[in-house]
Amino acid sequence: QTLPGSLSPAPSLPSASSGSLTAVCVFRLRLPSATALPAGGLPSRSAAEPTSLTRQSPTRLSSVGRRSLVSHSLLCPASAKDQDCGNMVSSAPSSARQVKLERECELRIEVGENSPLRLRLLSGTAEIFGTEIPPEIWLNFPPRLKFAIFTWHGATIEMDGGADTSDYVADETPMISYVNVHAVLEARRNRAKASSS
């Protein structure tokens, strides 16, 4: 279920491009069937509303595998070790709050059943399912969605809404394994090309 005017992530699909892999995440703008568009295209919005545009964000994976194609979104109870990886940062009295992620940690989120969630990247770099999050842009997530935000170098995430949303930070992720698998496959491709020529 997608709320009117919210961004809905489509699956990332791998494709071959010049001997490397490319991950593409497409965000679609969905409007209710009864919504009538004006002659100029998309309906007008106020400056306070989050950006809701169709965007395609390809992320190229180099041979060293700095980014991954896959990130799991299995949510399980947080352990004491998980809590040491990120620190909650106090925020203003509003519903918005900030989470600071250390390097090679991920924020696992399960959006509540009754309200959507929006978030943005304040600092650092982070990715969702292998696609980098653009900085300072609010992204909307519908109710009952499960996903994980991973960072290689550290990041600060701001979340707003979703009063019944559950989240925690974990430092035990499969991302390093994904990178290692990618590097091994890339090395074998290069050896195969060299031996065939």
N, C-alpha and C. Protein backbone atom coordinates (compact mmCIF):
# COMPACT_ATOMS: atom_id res chain seq x y z
N GLN A 1 0.84 -1.18 0.00
CA GLN A 1 0.00 0.00 0.00
C GLN A 1 0.88 1.24 0.00
N THR A 2 0.60 2.13 -0.91
CA THR A 2 1.40 3.34 -1.03
C THR A 2 0.52 4.55 -0.82
N LEU A 3 0.95 5.47 -0.01
CA LEU A 3 0.17 6.66 0.26
C LEU A 3 0.21 7.58 -0.95
N PRO A 4 -0.83 8.45 -1.11
CA PRO A 4 -0.86 9.36 -2.25
C PRO A 4 0.39 10.22 -2.28
N GLY A 5 1.02 10.27 -3.47
CA GLY A 5 2.16 11.13 -3.66
C GLY A 5 3.43 10.67 -3.00
N SER A 6 3.52 9.39 -2.60
CA SER A 6 4.71 8.91 -1.91
C SER A 6 5.61 8.16 -2.89
N LEU A 7 6.87 7.99 -2.50
CA LEU A 7 7.83 7.28 -3.33
C LEU A 7 7.77 5.80 -3.01
N SER A 8 7.75 5.00 -4.04
CA SER A 8 7.70 3.55 -3.87
C SER A 8 8.90 2.93 -4.55
N PRO A 9 9.81 2.26 -3.79
CA PRO A 9 10.99 1.68 -4.42
C PRO A 9 10.66 0.42 -5.19
N ALA A 10 11.19 0.34 -6.41
CA ALA A 10 11.06 -0.87 -7.22
C ALA A 10 12.28 -1.74 -6.99
N PRO A 11 12.20 -3.03 -7.30
CA PRO A 11 13.34 -3.92 -7.04
C PRO A 11 14.56 -3.51 -7.83
N SER A 12 15.74 -3.72 -7.24
CA SER A 12 17.00 -3.48 -7.93
C SER A 12 17.32 -4.70 -8.78
N LEU A 13 17.67 -4.49 -10.04
CA LEU A 13 17.96 -5.58 -10.94
C LEU A 13 19.38 -5.45 -11.45
N PRO A 14 20.18 -6.52 -11.37
CA PRO A 14 21.54 -6.45 -11.90
C PRO A 14 21.54 -6.52 -13.41
N SER A 15 22.47 -5.85 -14.06
CA SER A 15 22.62 -5.93 -15.49
C SER A 15 24.09 -5.83 -15.84
N ALA A 16 24.47 -6.41 -16.96
CA ALA A 16 25.87 -6.39 -17.37
C ALA A 16 26.16 -5.09 -18.08
N SER A 17 27.27 -4.47 -17.75
CA SER A 17 27.65 -3.22 -18.40
C SER A 17 29.16 -3.08 -18.32
N SER A 18 29.85 -3.27 -19.46
CA SER A 18 31.30 -3.09 -19.55
C SER A 18 32.04 -3.93 -18.53
N GLY A 19 31.63 -5.16 -18.33
CA GLY A 19 32.35 -6.05 -17.44
C GLY A 19 32.11 -5.83 -15.97
N SER A 20 31.22 -4.91 -15.62
CA SER A 20 30.91 -4.70 -14.21
C SER A 20 29.41 -4.74 -14.03
N LEU A 21 28.97 -4.71 -12.80
CA LEU A 21 27.55 -4.78 -12.50
C LEU A 21 27.00 -3.40 -12.19
N THR A 22 25.74 -3.22 -12.50
CA THR A 22 25.08 -1.96 -12.21
C THR A 22 23.79 -2.25 -11.48
N ALA A 23 23.57 -1.58 -10.36
CA ALA A 23 22.32 -1.73 -9.62
C ALA A 23 21.47 -0.50 -9.88
N VAL A 24 20.21 -0.71 -10.21
CA VAL A 24 19.32 0.41 -10.51
C VAL A 24 18.11 0.31 -9.60
N CYS A 25 17.80 1.39 -8.94
CA CYS A 25 16.61 1.45 -8.11
C CYS A 25 15.72 2.53 -8.67
N VAL A 26 14.48 2.20 -9.00
CA VAL A 26 13.56 3.16 -9.60
C VAL A 26 12.50 3.51 -8.58
N PHE A 27 12.32 4.80 -8.35
CA PHE A 27 11.27 5.26 -7.46
C PHE A 27 10.13 5.80 -8.33
N ARG A 28 8.92 5.28 -8.10
CA ARG A 28 7.77 5.72 -8.88
C ARG A 28 6.86 6.58 -8.01
N LEU A 29 6.30 7.60 -8.63
CA LEU A 29 5.31 8.43 -7.95
C LEU A 29 3.95 7.82 -8.20
N ARG A 30 3.23 7.47 -7.13
CA ARG A 30 1.91 6.85 -7.27
C ARG A 30 0.85 7.80 -6.74
N LEU A 31 -0.19 8.01 -7.53
CA LEU A 31 -1.30 8.87 -7.14
C LEU A 31 -2.57 8.04 -7.10
N PRO A 32 -3.55 8.41 -6.27
CA PRO A 32 -4.82 7.69 -6.26
C PRO A 32 -5.48 7.73 -7.62
N SER A 33 -6.29 6.71 -7.91
CA SER A 33 -6.93 6.65 -9.22
C SER A 33 -7.88 7.81 -9.45
N ALA A 34 -8.41 8.37 -8.35
CA ALA A 34 -9.36 9.47 -8.50
C ALA A 34 -8.66 10.82 -8.65
N THR A 35 -7.35 10.86 -8.53
CA THR A 35 -6.62 12.12 -8.61
C THR A 35 -6.53 12.58 -10.06
N ALA A 36 -6.96 13.77 -10.31
CA ALA A 36 -6.90 14.33 -11.66
C ALA A 36 -5.66 15.22 -11.76
N LEU A 37 -4.85 14.98 -12.77
CA LEU A 37 -3.66 15.79 -12.95
C LEU A 37 -4.00 17.04 -13.74
N PRO A 38 -3.42 18.18 -13.39
CA PRO A 38 -3.64 19.39 -14.17
C PRO A 38 -2.96 19.28 -15.52
N ALA A 39 -3.26 20.23 -16.40
CA ALA A 39 -2.71 20.19 -17.75
C ALA A 39 -1.19 20.25 -17.74
N GLY A 40 -0.61 20.88 -16.75
CA GLY A 40 0.84 21.04 -16.69
C GLY A 40 1.58 19.81 -16.21
N GLY A 41 0.89 18.75 -15.76
CA GLY A 41 1.58 17.55 -15.29
C GLY A 41 1.27 17.26 -13.85
N LEU A 42 2.30 17.17 -13.00
CA LEU A 42 2.12 16.81 -11.60
C LEU A 42 1.38 17.89 -10.84
N PRO A 43 0.58 17.51 -9.83
CA PRO A 43 -0.11 18.50 -9.02
C PRO A 43 0.88 19.34 -8.24
N SER A 44 0.49 20.57 -7.94
CA SER A 44 1.38 21.46 -7.20
C SER A 44 1.50 20.98 -5.77
N ARG A 45 2.63 21.32 -5.13
CA ARG A 45 2.85 20.94 -3.74
C ARG A 45 3.47 22.11 -3.03
N SER A 46 3.30 22.13 -1.71
CA SER A 46 3.90 23.19 -0.92
C SER A 46 5.36 22.89 -0.69
N ALA A 47 6.14 23.90 -0.30
CA ALA A 47 7.57 23.71 -0.08
C ALA A 47 7.84 22.79 1.09
N ALA A 48 6.86 22.65 2.01
CA ALA A 48 7.07 21.81 3.19
C ALA A 48 6.94 20.33 2.89
N GLU A 49 6.31 19.99 1.75
CA GLU A 49 6.12 18.59 1.42
C GLU A 49 7.41 17.98 0.90
N PRO A 50 7.62 16.68 1.14
CA PRO A 50 8.85 16.05 0.65
C PRO A 50 8.87 15.93 -0.85
N THR A 51 10.05 15.85 -1.43
CA THR A 51 10.21 15.70 -2.86
C THR A 51 9.61 14.38 -3.31
N SER A 52 8.78 14.39 -4.36
CA SER A 52 8.15 13.19 -4.88
C SER A 52 8.33 13.17 -6.38
N LEU A 53 9.46 12.75 -6.86
CA LEU A 53 9.78 12.73 -8.28
C LEU A 53 10.14 11.33 -8.70
N THR A 54 10.04 11.07 -10.00
CA THR A 54 10.52 9.81 -10.52
C THR A 54 12.02 9.93 -10.69
N ARG A 55 12.77 9.03 -10.05
CA ARG A 55 14.22 9.12 -10.13
C ARG A 55 14.81 7.74 -10.38
N GLN A 56 15.84 7.69 -11.18
CA GLN A 56 16.58 6.46 -11.40
C GLN A 56 18.00 6.71 -10.92
N SER A 57 18.48 5.85 -10.05
CA SER A 57 19.79 6.05 -9.43
C SER A 57 20.68 4.84 -9.68
N PRO A 58 21.39 4.79 -10.82
CA PRO A 58 22.30 3.67 -11.04
C PRO A 58 23.53 3.80 -10.16
N THR A 59 23.96 2.69 -9.63
CA THR A 59 25.17 2.66 -8.81
C THR A 59 26.12 1.63 -9.40
N ARG A 60 27.27 2.08 -9.93
CA ARG A 60 28.22 1.15 -10.54
C ARG A 60 29.08 0.50 -9.46
N LEU A 61 29.28 -0.79 -9.61
CA LEU A 61 30.10 -1.53 -8.67
C LEU A 61 31.49 -1.71 -9.27
N SER A 62 32.50 -1.16 -8.65
CA SER A 62 33.86 -1.34 -9.14
C SER A 62 34.38 -2.71 -8.75
N SER A 63 35.57 -3.07 -9.27
CA SER A 63 36.11 -4.40 -9.00
C SER A 63 36.43 -4.60 -7.53
N VAL A 64 36.67 -3.50 -6.81
CA VAL A 64 36.94 -3.65 -5.38
C VAL A 64 35.66 -3.76 -4.58
N GLY A 65 34.51 -3.53 -5.22
CA GLY A 65 33.23 -3.75 -4.57
C GLY A 65 32.93 -2.81 -3.44
N ARG A 66 32.95 -1.50 -3.69
CA ARG A 66 32.68 -0.56 -2.60
C ARG A 66 31.20 -0.52 -2.26
N ARG A 67 30.36 -0.92 -3.20
CA ARG A 67 28.93 -0.94 -2.93
C ARG A 67 28.40 -2.32 -3.26
N SER A 68 27.29 -2.68 -2.68
CA SER A 68 26.76 -4.03 -2.90
C SER A 68 25.43 -3.97 -3.61
N LEU A 69 25.08 -5.09 -4.25
CA LEU A 69 23.78 -5.19 -4.92
C LEU A 69 22.67 -5.53 -3.95
N VAL A 70 22.99 -6.22 -2.89
CA VAL A 70 21.96 -6.78 -2.02
C VAL A 70 22.19 -6.35 -0.59
N SER A 71 21.13 -6.03 0.09
CA SER A 71 21.19 -5.81 1.54
C SER A 71 19.95 -6.45 2.13
N HIS A 72 20.13 -7.27 3.15
CA HIS A 72 18.98 -7.99 3.68
C HIS A 72 18.18 -7.08 4.61
N SER A 73 16.91 -7.36 4.72
CA SER A 73 16.03 -6.55 5.57
C SER A 73 15.35 -7.42 6.61
N LEU A 74 15.99 -8.50 7.06
CA LEU A 74 15.42 -9.34 8.10
C LEU A 74 15.58 -8.63 9.43
N LEU A 75 14.47 -8.43 10.10
CA LEU A 75 14.51 -7.73 11.37
C LEU A 75 14.39 -8.74 12.50
N CYS A 76 15.33 -8.72 13.42
CA CYS A 76 15.30 -9.61 14.57
C CYS A 76 15.62 -8.79 15.81
N PRO A 77 15.35 -9.30 17.00
CA PRO A 77 15.59 -8.51 18.21
C PRO A 77 17.02 -8.05 18.30
N ALA A 78 17.20 -6.81 18.74
CA ALA A 78 18.54 -6.24 18.85
C ALA A 78 19.26 -6.81 20.05
N SER A 79 20.56 -7.05 19.91
CA SER A 79 21.38 -7.51 21.02
C SER A 79 22.11 -6.33 21.62
N ALA A 80 22.74 -6.55 22.77
CA ALA A 80 23.48 -5.47 23.41
C ALA A 80 24.63 -5.02 22.54
N LYS A 81 25.24 -5.96 21.79
CA LYS A 81 26.34 -5.59 20.92
C LYS A 81 25.87 -4.68 19.80
N ASP A 82 24.65 -4.94 19.28
CA ASP A 82 24.11 -4.11 18.22
C ASP A 82 23.98 -2.67 18.67
N GLN A 83 23.56 -2.45 19.90
CA GLN A 83 23.30 -1.10 20.37
C GLN A 83 24.58 -0.28 20.48
N ASP A 84 25.75 -0.94 20.57
CA ASP A 84 27.00 -0.20 20.69
C ASP A 84 27.42 0.42 19.37
N CYS A 85 26.83 -0.03 18.26
CA CYS A 85 27.28 0.40 16.94
C CYS A 85 26.78 1.79 16.58
N GLY A 86 25.59 2.19 17.03
CA GLY A 86 25.05 3.50 16.70
C GLY A 86 24.56 4.20 17.93
N ASN A 87 24.47 5.50 17.86
CA ASN A 87 24.06 6.30 19.01
C ASN A 87 22.87 7.15 18.64
N MET A 88 21.85 7.12 19.49
CA MET A 88 20.70 7.98 19.27
C MET A 88 21.09 9.41 19.65
N VAL A 89 20.73 10.36 18.80
CA VAL A 89 21.06 11.75 19.03
C VAL A 89 19.78 12.48 19.39
N SER A 90 19.79 13.19 20.49
CA SER A 90 18.59 13.91 20.92
C SER A 90 18.24 14.97 19.90
N SER A 91 16.94 15.16 19.68
CA SER A 91 16.48 16.12 18.69
C SER A 91 15.50 17.08 19.32
N ALA A 92 14.90 17.91 18.47
CA ALA A 92 13.94 18.90 18.93
C ALA A 92 12.69 18.20 19.43
N PRO A 93 11.76 18.92 20.10
CA PRO A 93 10.56 18.30 20.64
C PRO A 93 9.64 17.69 19.59
N SER A 94 9.90 17.90 18.28
CA SER A 94 9.04 17.35 17.25
C SER A 94 9.23 15.84 17.17
N SER A 95 8.52 15.20 16.22
CA SER A 95 8.61 13.76 16.07
C SER A 95 9.88 13.33 15.35
N ALA A 96 10.62 14.28 14.77
CA ALA A 96 11.85 13.95 14.05
C ALA A 96 12.95 13.59 15.04
N ARG A 97 13.77 12.60 14.65
CA ARG A 97 14.90 12.21 15.48
C ARG A 97 16.05 11.78 14.57
N GLN A 98 17.25 11.81 15.12
CA GLN A 98 18.44 11.49 14.35
C GLN A 98 19.10 10.23 14.89
N VAL A 99 19.68 9.45 13.98
CA VAL A 99 20.43 8.26 14.33
C VAL A 99 21.80 8.36 13.68
N LYS A 100 22.85 8.23 14.49
CA LYS A 100 24.22 8.26 13.97
C LYS A 100 24.72 6.83 13.79
N LEU A 101 25.13 6.51 12.57
CA LEU A 101 25.63 5.18 12.24
C LEU A 101 27.15 5.22 12.14
N GLU A 102 27.80 4.26 12.79
CA GLU A 102 29.25 4.12 12.64
C GLU A 102 29.55 3.38 11.34
N ARG A 103 30.81 3.33 10.96
CA ARG A 103 31.19 2.69 9.70
C ARG A 103 30.85 1.20 9.72
N GLU A 104 30.40 0.70 8.56
CA GLU A 104 30.04 -0.71 8.36
C GLU A 104 28.94 -1.17 9.31
N CYS A 105 28.01 -0.29 9.61
CA CYS A 105 26.82 -0.63 10.39
C CYS A 105 25.58 -0.39 9.54
N GLU A 106 24.46 -0.94 9.97
CA GLU A 106 23.22 -0.69 9.25
C GLU A 106 22.08 -0.44 10.22
N LEU A 107 21.16 0.41 9.79
CA LEU A 107 19.96 0.73 10.54
C LEU A 107 18.82 -0.09 9.95
N ARG A 108 18.26 -0.99 10.75
CA ARG A 108 17.16 -1.85 10.28
C ARG A 108 15.84 -1.26 10.74
N ILE A 109 14.93 -1.10 9.80
CA ILE A 109 13.68 -0.37 10.06
C ILE A 109 12.49 -1.21 9.63
N GLU A 110 11.47 -1.24 10.47
CA GLU A 110 10.17 -1.83 10.13
C GLU A 110 9.13 -0.75 10.35
N VAL A 111 8.59 -0.21 9.25
CA VAL A 111 7.60 0.86 9.34
C VAL A 111 6.33 0.31 9.95
N GLY A 112 5.71 1.09 10.83
CA GLY A 112 4.50 0.65 11.52
C GLY A 112 3.33 0.44 10.58
N GLU A 113 2.25 -0.12 11.12
CA GLU A 113 1.09 -0.46 10.30
C GLU A 113 0.19 0.73 10.02
N ASN A 114 0.26 1.77 10.84
CA ASN A 114 -0.75 2.83 10.75
C ASN A 114 -0.24 4.14 10.17
N SER A 115 1.05 4.34 10.07
CA SER A 115 1.54 5.63 9.58
C SER A 115 2.81 5.44 8.77
N PRO A 116 3.01 6.27 7.73
CA PRO A 116 4.22 6.16 6.91
C PRO A 116 5.42 6.76 7.63
N LEU A 117 6.58 6.58 7.04
CA LEU A 117 7.82 7.12 7.59
C LEU A 117 8.53 7.89 6.50
N ARG A 118 9.17 8.98 6.88
CA ARG A 118 10.03 9.67 5.94
C ARG A 118 11.38 9.88 6.60
N LEU A 119 12.42 9.84 5.78
CA LEU A 119 13.77 10.01 6.31
C LEU A 119 14.65 10.70 5.28
N ARG A 120 15.79 11.20 5.76
CA ARG A 120 16.77 11.82 4.87
C ARG A 120 18.17 11.61 5.44
N LEU A 121 19.15 11.72 4.56
CA LEU A 121 20.55 11.58 4.93
C LEU A 121 21.10 12.96 5.24
N LEU A 122 21.54 13.17 6.49
CA LEU A 122 22.08 14.47 6.89
C LEU A 122 23.57 14.59 6.60
N SER A 123 24.33 13.54 6.86
CA SER A 123 25.77 13.59 6.62
C SER A 123 26.29 12.19 6.33
N GLY A 124 27.47 12.12 5.72
CA GLY A 124 28.06 10.84 5.37
C GLY A 124 27.44 10.24 4.12
N THR A 125 27.65 8.95 3.93
CA THR A 125 27.07 8.22 2.80
C THR A 125 26.39 6.96 3.31
N ALA A 126 25.29 6.60 2.68
CA ALA A 126 24.53 5.41 3.07
C ALA A 126 23.79 4.89 1.86
N GLU A 127 23.32 3.65 1.94
CA GLU A 127 22.64 3.02 0.82
C GLU A 127 21.49 2.15 1.30
N ILE A 128 20.50 1.99 0.42
CA ILE A 128 19.38 1.08 0.65
C ILE A 128 19.39 0.06 -0.48
N PHE A 129 19.61 -1.21 -0.15
CA PHE A 129 19.65 -2.28 -1.15
C PHE A 129 20.64 -1.95 -2.27
N GLY A 130 21.80 -1.38 -1.92
CA GLY A 130 22.85 -1.12 -2.90
C GLY A 130 22.76 0.21 -3.62
N THR A 131 21.69 0.97 -3.41
CA THR A 131 21.54 2.27 -4.07
C THR A 131 21.77 3.38 -3.06
N GLU A 132 22.68 4.31 -3.39
CA GLU A 132 23.01 5.37 -2.45
C GLU A 132 21.82 6.29 -2.20
N ILE A 133 21.71 6.76 -0.97
CA ILE A 133 20.67 7.71 -0.60
C ILE A 133 21.16 9.11 -0.94
N PRO A 134 20.38 9.90 -1.68
CA PRO A 134 20.81 11.28 -1.96
C PRO A 134 20.77 12.11 -0.69
N PRO A 135 21.73 13.00 -0.49
CA PRO A 135 21.77 13.79 0.74
C PRO A 135 20.69 14.86 0.77
N GLU A 136 20.18 15.13 1.97
CA GLU A 136 19.26 16.24 2.23
C GLU A 136 17.96 16.17 1.42
N ILE A 137 17.51 14.98 1.05
CA ILE A 137 16.25 14.82 0.33
C ILE A 137 15.36 13.87 1.13
N TRP A 138 14.16 14.33 1.46
CA TRP A 138 13.23 13.48 2.22
C TRP A 138 12.70 12.37 1.32
N LEU A 139 12.75 11.14 1.81
CA LEU A 139 12.20 9.98 1.11
C LEU A 139 11.06 9.41 1.94
N ASN A 140 9.96 9.05 1.27
CA ASN A 140 8.78 8.51 1.95
C ASN A 140 8.75 6.99 1.85
N PHE A 141 8.35 6.33 2.95
CA PHE A 141 8.24 4.89 2.99
C PHE A 141 6.86 4.52 3.53
N PRO A 142 6.12 3.67 2.81
CA PRO A 142 4.75 3.34 3.21
C PRO A 142 4.71 2.43 4.44
N PRO A 143 3.55 2.30 5.06
CA PRO A 143 3.42 1.41 6.23
C PRO A 143 3.76 -0.04 5.90
N ARG A 144 4.22 -0.76 6.94
CA ARG A 144 4.53 -2.19 6.88
C ARG A 144 5.72 -2.53 5.97
N LEU A 145 6.54 -1.54 5.64
CA LEU A 145 7.73 -1.80 4.82
C LEU A 145 8.93 -2.12 5.72
N LYS A 146 9.72 -3.12 5.33
CA LYS A 146 10.94 -3.49 6.07
C LYS A 146 12.14 -3.25 5.16
N PHE A 147 13.14 -2.55 5.66
CA PHE A 147 14.33 -2.28 4.88
C PHE A 147 15.49 -1.96 5.80
N ALA A 148 16.70 -1.89 5.23
CA ALA A 148 17.90 -1.60 6.01
C ALA A 148 18.72 -0.53 5.31
N ILE A 149 19.30 0.37 6.09
CA ILE A 149 20.18 1.42 5.58
C ILE A 149 21.59 1.08 6.03
N PHE A 150 22.49 0.87 5.08
CA PHE A 150 23.87 0.48 5.39
C PHE A 150 24.83 1.61 5.04
N THR A 151 25.89 1.76 5.82
CA THR A 151 26.92 2.76 5.52
C THR A 151 28.30 2.13 5.63
N TRP A 152 29.16 2.46 4.67
CA TRP A 152 30.54 1.98 4.70
C TRP A 152 31.42 2.89 5.55
N HIS A 153 31.13 4.18 5.57
CA HIS A 153 32.04 5.15 6.19
C HIS A 153 31.40 5.93 7.33
N GLY A 154 30.15 5.68 7.67
CA GLY A 154 29.47 6.43 8.71
C GLY A 154 28.46 7.40 8.12
N ALA A 155 27.36 7.63 8.83
CA ALA A 155 26.31 8.51 8.34
C ALA A 155 25.41 8.93 9.49
N THR A 156 24.68 10.02 9.27
CA THR A 156 23.65 10.47 10.21
C THR A 156 22.33 10.53 9.46
N ILE A 157 21.34 9.81 9.97
CA ILE A 157 20.02 9.71 9.34
C ILE A 157 19.01 10.43 10.22
N GLU A 158 18.12 11.20 9.59
CA GLU A 158 17.01 11.83 10.30
C GLU A 158 15.71 11.17 9.88
N MET A 159 14.91 10.75 10.86
CA MET A 159 13.63 10.11 10.59
C MET A 159 12.51 10.94 11.18
N ASP A 160 11.38 10.98 10.47
CA ASP A 160 10.23 11.76 10.92
C ASP A 160 8.97 10.94 10.68
N GLY A 161 8.03 10.99 11.62
CA GLY A 161 6.78 10.26 11.49
C GLY A 161 6.93 8.81 11.90
N GLY A 162 5.90 8.03 11.62
CA GLY A 162 5.94 6.61 11.95
C GLY A 162 6.09 6.37 13.44
N ALA A 163 5.10 6.82 14.22
CA ALA A 163 5.19 6.69 15.67
C ALA A 163 5.31 5.24 16.11
N ASP A 164 4.72 4.31 15.36
CA ASP A 164 4.78 2.90 15.72
C ASP A 164 5.87 2.15 14.94
N THR A 165 6.80 2.90 14.34
CA THR A 165 7.91 2.30 13.61
C THR A 165 8.96 1.77 14.58
N SER A 166 9.47 0.57 14.31
CA SER A 166 10.54 0.00 15.14
C SER A 166 11.84 -0.01 14.34
N ASP A 167 12.94 0.28 15.02
CA ASP A 167 14.24 0.29 14.35
C ASP A 167 15.34 0.02 15.36
N TYR A 168 16.46 -0.48 14.87
CA TYR A 168 17.65 -0.66 15.69
C TYR A 168 18.87 -0.70 14.78
N VAL A 169 20.05 -0.51 15.38
CA VAL A 169 21.31 -0.48 14.65
C VAL A 169 22.06 -1.79 14.90
N ALA A 170 22.62 -2.36 13.84
CA ALA A 170 23.38 -3.61 13.94
C ALA A 170 24.72 -3.47 13.23
N ASP A 171 25.75 -4.11 13.79
CA ASP A 171 27.05 -4.11 13.13
C ASP A 171 27.39 -5.47 12.53
N GLU A 172 26.54 -6.46 12.71
CA GLU A 172 26.73 -7.77 12.09
C GLU A 172 25.86 -7.83 10.84
N THR A 173 26.45 -7.52 9.70
CA THR A 173 25.72 -7.49 8.44
C THR A 173 26.43 -8.38 7.42
N PRO A 174 25.70 -8.81 6.37
CA PRO A 174 26.34 -9.65 5.34
C PRO A 174 27.04 -8.84 4.26
N MET A 175 27.13 -7.52 4.42
CA MET A 175 27.65 -6.68 3.34
C MET A 175 29.10 -7.01 2.98
N ILE A 176 29.94 -7.28 3.96
CA ILE A 176 31.34 -7.61 3.67
C ILE A 176 31.41 -8.90 2.85
N SER A 177 30.56 -9.86 3.19
CA SER A 177 30.53 -11.11 2.42
C SER A 177 30.11 -10.86 0.99
N TYR A 178 29.12 -9.98 0.79
CA TYR A 178 28.69 -9.65 -0.57
C TYR A 178 29.84 -9.03 -1.37
N VAL A 179 30.57 -8.13 -0.75
CA VAL A 179 31.69 -7.49 -1.43
C VAL A 179 32.76 -8.51 -1.79
N ASN A 180 33.05 -9.43 -0.86
CA ASN A 180 34.06 -10.46 -1.13
C ASN A 180 33.64 -11.36 -2.29
N VAL A 181 32.36 -11.75 -2.32
CA VAL A 181 31.87 -12.59 -3.42
C VAL A 181 32.00 -11.84 -4.74
N HIS A 182 31.64 -10.56 -4.74
CA HIS A 182 31.74 -9.77 -5.97
C HIS A 182 33.19 -9.68 -6.44
N ALA A 183 34.13 -9.46 -5.51
CA ALA A 183 35.54 -9.34 -5.88
C ALA A 183 36.07 -10.65 -6.46
N VAL A 184 35.67 -11.79 -5.87
CA VAL A 184 36.12 -13.09 -6.38
C VAL A 184 35.57 -13.34 -7.78
N LEU A 185 34.28 -13.05 -7.99
CA LEU A 185 33.68 -13.25 -9.31
C LEU A 185 34.35 -12.35 -10.35
N GLU A 186 34.63 -11.12 -9.99
CA GLU A 186 35.28 -10.19 -10.91
C GLU A 186 36.68 -10.68 -11.28
N ALA A 187 37.42 -11.20 -10.29
CA ALA A 187 38.76 -11.72 -10.57
C ALA A 187 38.69 -12.93 -11.49
N ARG A 188 37.70 -13.79 -11.29
CA ARG A 188 37.57 -14.97 -12.16
C ARG A 188 37.17 -14.56 -13.58
N ARG A 189 36.34 -13.54 -13.72
CA ARG A 189 35.99 -13.05 -15.05
C ARG A 189 37.24 -12.54 -15.77
N ASN A 190 38.06 -11.79 -15.05
CA ASN A 190 39.27 -11.24 -15.66
C ASN A 190 40.23 -12.36 -16.08
N ARG A 191 40.36 -13.40 -15.23
CA ARG A 191 41.23 -14.52 -15.60
C ARG A 191 40.68 -15.27 -16.82
N ALA A 192 39.36 -15.41 -16.89
CA ALA A 192 38.76 -16.10 -18.03
C ALA A 192 38.98 -15.31 -19.32
N LYS A 193 38.86 -13.99 -19.25
CA LYS A 193 39.10 -13.16 -20.43
C LYS A 193 40.56 -13.26 -20.88
N ALA A 194 41.47 -13.25 -19.91
CA ALA A 194 42.90 -13.31 -20.25
C ALA A 194 43.27 -14.66 -20.87
N SER A 195 42.69 -15.74 -20.39
CA SER A 195 43.03 -17.07 -20.90
C SER A 195 42.42 -17.35 -22.27
N SER A 196 41.29 -16.71 -22.59
CA SER A 196 40.62 -16.95 -23.87
C SER A 196 41.26 -16.16 -25.00
N SER A 197 42.03 -15.12 -24.69
CA SER A 197 42.63 -14.30 -25.74
C SER A 197 44.02 -14.77 -26.12
